[in-house]
Protein backbone atom coordinates (compact mmCIF):
# COMPACT_ATOMS: atom_id res chain seq x y z
CA UNK A 1 6.67 12.24 15.83
CA UNK A 2 7.32 14.50 18.60
CA UNK A 3 10.37 17.20 17.69
CA UNK A 4 11.44 16.63 21.18
CA UNK A 5 12.57 13.07 20.31
CA UNK A 6 13.44 13.83 16.83
CA UNK A 7 15.89 16.62 18.47
CA UNK A 8 17.19 14.39 20.82
CA UNK A 9 17.94 11.26 18.63
CA UNK A 10 19.46 13.40 15.92
CA UNK A 11 22.31 14.35 18.55
CA UNK A 12 22.64 11.07 19.62
CA UNK A 13 23.53 10.52 16.15
CA UNK A 14 25.50 13.08 15.22
CA UNK A 15 27.31 12.64 18.72
CA UNK A 16 27.88 8.75 17.31
CA UNK A 17 28.64 9.83 13.77
CA UNK A 18 32.37 9.25 12.29
CA UNK A 19 33.85 11.57 11.45
CA UNK A 20 31.78 14.72 13.37
CA UNK A 21 30.60 16.90 10.72
CA UNK A 22 27.58 17.91 12.48
CA UNK A 23 25.68 15.58 10.12
CA UNK A 24 24.55 12.07 10.90
CA UNK A 25 25.81 9.03 9.04
CA UNK A 26 23.61 5.55 8.11
CA UNK A 27 26.03 3.37 10.41
CA UNK A 28 25.14 6.11 13.76
CA UNK A 29 21.22 5.97 12.51
CA UNK A 30 20.77 2.05 12.17
CA UNK A 31 23.00 1.89 15.89
CA UNK A 32 20.17 4.20 17.93
CA UNK A 33 17.99 2.24 20.13
CA UNK A 34 14.60 2.26 19.07
CA UNK A 35 15.56 1.70 15.48
CA UNK A 36 17.98 -1.31 16.61
CA UNK A 37 15.20 -2.22 18.97
CA UNK A 38 12.88 -2.49 16.09
CA UNK A 39 15.36 -4.18 13.08
CA UNK A 40 15.77 -7.63 12.86
CA UNK A 41 15.11 -11.02 10.62
CA UNK A 42 11.50 -11.72 12.33
CA UNK A 43 8.59 -10.79 9.84
CA UNK A 44 7.38 -7.66 11.86
CA UNK A 45 10.81 -6.20 12.23
CA UNK A 46 12.33 -3.61 10.04
CA UNK A 47 15.29 -5.68 7.43
CA UNK A 48 18.69 -4.44 6.87
CA UNK A 49 17.77 -3.12 3.31
CA UNK A 50 14.21 -1.71 4.71
CA UNK A 51 15.99 0.37 7.07
CA UNK A 52 19.15 1.13 4.10
CA UNK A 53 15.61 1.80 1.98
CA UNK A 54 14.30 4.80 4.20
CA UNK A 55 17.65 6.16 3.83
CA UNK A 56 17.92 6.22 0.74
CA UNK A 57 14.82 7.78 0.34
CA UNK A 58 15.02 9.94 2.91
CA UNK A 59 18.71 11.08 2.53
CA UNK A 60 18.32 11.68 -1.19
CA UNK A 61 20.96 9.54 -1.84
CA UNK A 62 23.38 11.57 0.68
CA UNK A 63 25.70 9.58 2.79
CA UNK A 64 25.26 11.67 5.62
CA UNK A 65 22.25 14.12 7.29
CA UNK A 66 21.28 17.17 8.51
CA UNK A 67 18.79 17.53 11.39
CA UNK A 68 16.35 17.78 8.45
CA UNK A 69 17.37 15.16 6.17
CA UNK A 70 17.32 13.29 9.69
CA UNK A 71 13.52 13.78 10.18
CA UNK A 72 13.10 12.45 6.70
CA UNK A 73 14.37 9.52 7.31
CA UNK A 74 13.23 8.94 10.08
CA UNK A 75 9.36 9.49 8.84
CA UNK A 76 10.21 7.15 6.16
CA UNK A 77 10.85 4.67 9.02
CA UNK A 78 7.73 5.48 10.66
CA UNK A 79 5.77 4.60 7.28
CA UNK A 80 6.85 0.95 8.22
CA UNK A 81 4.77 0.85 11.39
CA UNK A 82 1.41 1.64 12.61
CA UNK A 83 1.97 3.52 15.68
CA UNK A 84 4.95 6.19 16.74
CA UNK A 85 8.70 5.03 16.34
CA UNK A 86 9.10 5.08 19.88
CA UNK A 87 5.72 3.62 21.05
CA UNK A 88 6.53 0.61 18.24
CA UNK A 89 10.41 0.30 20.42
CA UNK A 90 8.80 0.86 23.76
CA UNK A 91 6.18 -1.97 23.28
CA UNK A 92 8.85 -4.30 21.33
CA UNK A 93 11.25 -3.67 24.17
CA UNK A 94 8.78 -4.23 27.05
CA UNK A 95 7.21 -7.25 26.12
CA UNK A 96 4.35 -8.59 28.42
CA UNK A 97 5.26 -10.54 31.39
CA UNK A 98 5.22 -14.06 31.08
CA UNK A 99 4.70 -16.71 34.10
CA UNK A 100 7.72 -18.68 34.69
CA UNK A 101 9.01 -21.62 36.81
CA UNK A 102 11.79 -21.70 39.35
CA UNK A 103 13.72 -24.44 38.94
CA UNK A 104 14.97 -24.15 42.82
CA UNK A 105 10.87 -24.29 44.51
CA UNK A 106 8.99 -25.23 40.96
CA UNK A 107 6.84 -22.16 42.30
CA UNK A 108 4.95 -19.51 39.51
CA UNK A 109 6.46 -16.24 39.16
CA UNK A 110 5.85 -13.25 36.94
CA UNK A 111 8.98 -12.30 35.06
CA UNK A 112 9.44 -7.97 35.29
CA UNK A 113 9.54 -7.67 31.59
CA UNK A 114 12.35 -5.52 31.92
CA UNK A 115 15.07 -5.47 29.01
CA UNK A 116 18.61 -7.10 29.81
CA UNK A 117 21.49 -4.07 28.54
CA UNK A 118 22.30 -5.16 24.81
CA UNK A 119 19.86 -7.71 24.65
CA UNK A 120 18.57 -6.24 21.79
CA UNK A 121 22.07 -5.10 19.96
CA UNK A 122 24.12 -7.70 17.72
CA UNK A 123 27.69 -7.98 18.31
CA UNK A 124 28.78 -6.08 15.30
CA UNK A 125 26.48 -2.68 16.83
CA UNK A 126 28.08 -3.59 20.06
CA UNK A 127 31.72 -3.14 18.32
CA UNK A 128 30.64 -0.06 16.80
CA UNK A 129 29.31 1.69 20.16
CA UNK A 130 32.53 0.60 22.04
CA UNK A 131 34.89 2.48 18.99
CA UNK A 132 32.26 5.47 19.30
CA UNK A 133 32.59 5.76 22.87
CA UNK A 134 36.40 5.51 22.86
CA UNK A 135 36.38 8.45 20.17
CA UNK A 136 34.79 10.55 22.54
CA UNK A 137 36.17 13.67 23.53
CA UNK A 138 35.37 15.39 26.62
CA UNK A 139 33.50 17.98 24.96
CA UNK A 140 31.45 15.31 23.32
CA UNK A 141 30.77 13.74 26.71
CA UNK A 142 29.27 17.01 28.19
CA UNK A 143 27.15 17.33 25.53
CA UNK A 144 25.79 14.07 25.56
CA UNK A 145 25.21 14.43 29.81
CA UNK A 146 23.85 17.59 29.09
CA UNK A 147 21.06 16.04 27.09
CA UNK A 148 20.39 13.05 29.74
CA UNK A 149 20.02 15.57 32.63
CA UNK A 150 17.34 17.90 30.40
CA UNK A 151 15.42 14.65 29.03
CA UNK A 152 11.54 15.38 28.69
CA UNK A 153 9.05 13.31 29.49
CA UNK A 154 8.86 10.85 27.06
CA UNK A 155 12.21 9.91 27.72
CA UNK A 156 11.24 9.75 31.93
CA UNK A 157 8.79 7.49 30.86
CA UNK A 158 11.16 5.59 28.80
CA UNK A 159 13.29 5.38 31.64
CA UNK A 160 11.02 4.12 33.98
CA UNK A 161 9.58 1.62 32.26
CA UNK A 162 13.06 0.37 31.65
CA UNK A 163 13.16 0.08 35.64
CA UNK A 164 15.70 3.73 36.05
CA UNK A 165 14.79 6.16 38.21
CA UNK A 166 14.77 9.44 36.25
CA UNK A 167 15.33 11.51 39.38
CA UNK A 168 18.69 9.88 39.98
CA UNK A 169 19.63 9.62 35.71
CA UNK A 170 19.31 13.56 35.73
CA UNK A 171 21.31 13.52 39.31
CA UNK A 172 24.17 11.47 38.36
CA UNK A 173 24.21 13.53 35.02
CA UNK A 174 24.61 16.43 36.38
CA UNK A 175 27.09 15.33 38.99
CA UNK A 176 29.11 14.00 35.85
CA UNK A 177 28.62 16.90 34.00
CA UNK A 178 29.71 19.45 36.45
CA UNK A 179 33.08 16.87 37.93
CA UNK A 180 35.74 17.16 35.67
CA UNK A 181 37.84 14.70 37.26
CA UNK A 182 34.80 11.94 37.84
CA UNK A 183 33.84 12.54 33.81
CA UNK A 184 37.07 11.79 32.78
CA UNK A 185 37.95 8.82 34.88
CA UNK A 186 34.73 7.62 33.34
CA UNK A 187 35.89 7.93 30.31
CA UNK A 188 39.31 6.58 30.20
CA UNK A 189 37.73 3.53 32.34
CA UNK A 190 35.80 2.83 29.13
CA UNK A 191 38.10 3.83 26.88
CA UNK A 192 40.44 0.62 28.38
CA UNK A 193 37.02 -1.74 28.06
CA UNK A 194 36.55 -4.26 24.98
CA UNK A 195 33.08 -4.60 23.93
CA UNK A 196 32.08 -7.34 26.07
CA UNK A 197 33.85 -6.13 28.97
CA UNK A 198 31.52 -2.76 28.46
CA UNK A 199 28.31 -5.14 27.90
CA UNK A 200 28.93 -6.87 31.30
CA UNK A 201 29.77 -3.78 33.23
CA UNK A 202 26.27 -2.45 31.97
CA UNK A 203 24.66 -5.22 32.68
CA UNK A 204 26.16 -5.81 36.20
CA UNK A 205 24.76 -2.06 36.98
CA UNK A 206 21.57 -2.92 35.65
CA UNK A 207 21.13 -5.65 37.77
CA UNK A 208 22.85 -4.00 41.07
CA UNK A 209 20.43 -0.71 40.64
CA UNK A 210 17.46 -2.83 40.28
CA UNK A 211 18.08 -4.13 43.47
CA UNK A 212 18.96 -1.21 45.32
CA UNK A 213 16.25 0.90 47.05
CA UNK A 214 15.94 5.24 46.28
CA UNK A 215 17.37 5.42 49.69
CA UNK A 216 20.83 2.95 49.11
CA UNK A 217 20.75 4.89 45.01
CA UNK A 218 20.58 8.27 46.77
CA UNK A 219 23.33 6.96 49.21
CA UNK A 220 25.63 5.52 46.68
CA UNK A 221 25.19 8.51 44.83
CA UNK A 222 26.77 10.98 47.63
CA UNK A 223 29.21 8.91 48.18
CA UNK A 224 30.63 8.96 44.40
CA UNK A 225 30.24 12.72 44.41
CA UNK A 226 32.21 13.11 47.75
CA UNK A 227 34.86 10.35 46.47
CA UNK A 228 34.75 12.56 42.93
CA UNK A 229 35.41 15.91 44.61
């Protein structure tokens, strides 16, 4: 696995862990996007028991892991799959497009294959993410935005596969990172959202961005930046 990917996943897991100790808990590890996507009840999925065994072996029985222990757990999970974890997660999240028939025109169209935000997250996991977001401090938010603003080629490819423009995502992260008022406003809004509201807001944003041109997105970003000054 790419060390940069493991570094990024460790940082996310560290931010999602409670209490914050600079290490990663099992619950935070299980909530990481690629692990969530690859977990489930199907034959090809990683079961909860198998994930717990990976954690037990990789963590050497500890309840939290540092960067070295995190990589051991990551490699234990890797043993269950033929390809790299990120490649497996990407393939699972973006199945081949299928032809569907519209009810109005009865015409064949090809689906985009892009996953809906939250499609592979259980209700309990969504509640956990919601609670963790509410516990984030301004420093936590800034650290997360710094990570988003400096993603590598593999993360950019994953963003494109989800229909997002990496350049625009980086611009948004940089804009919020350098604008305390906008950052705090976003935090305040998220802290008042229920898990369902947070999921629906993310799905609505995904749908709106999918229908916007690059020029429209840039214009919206400029307006947000001016409004936050």
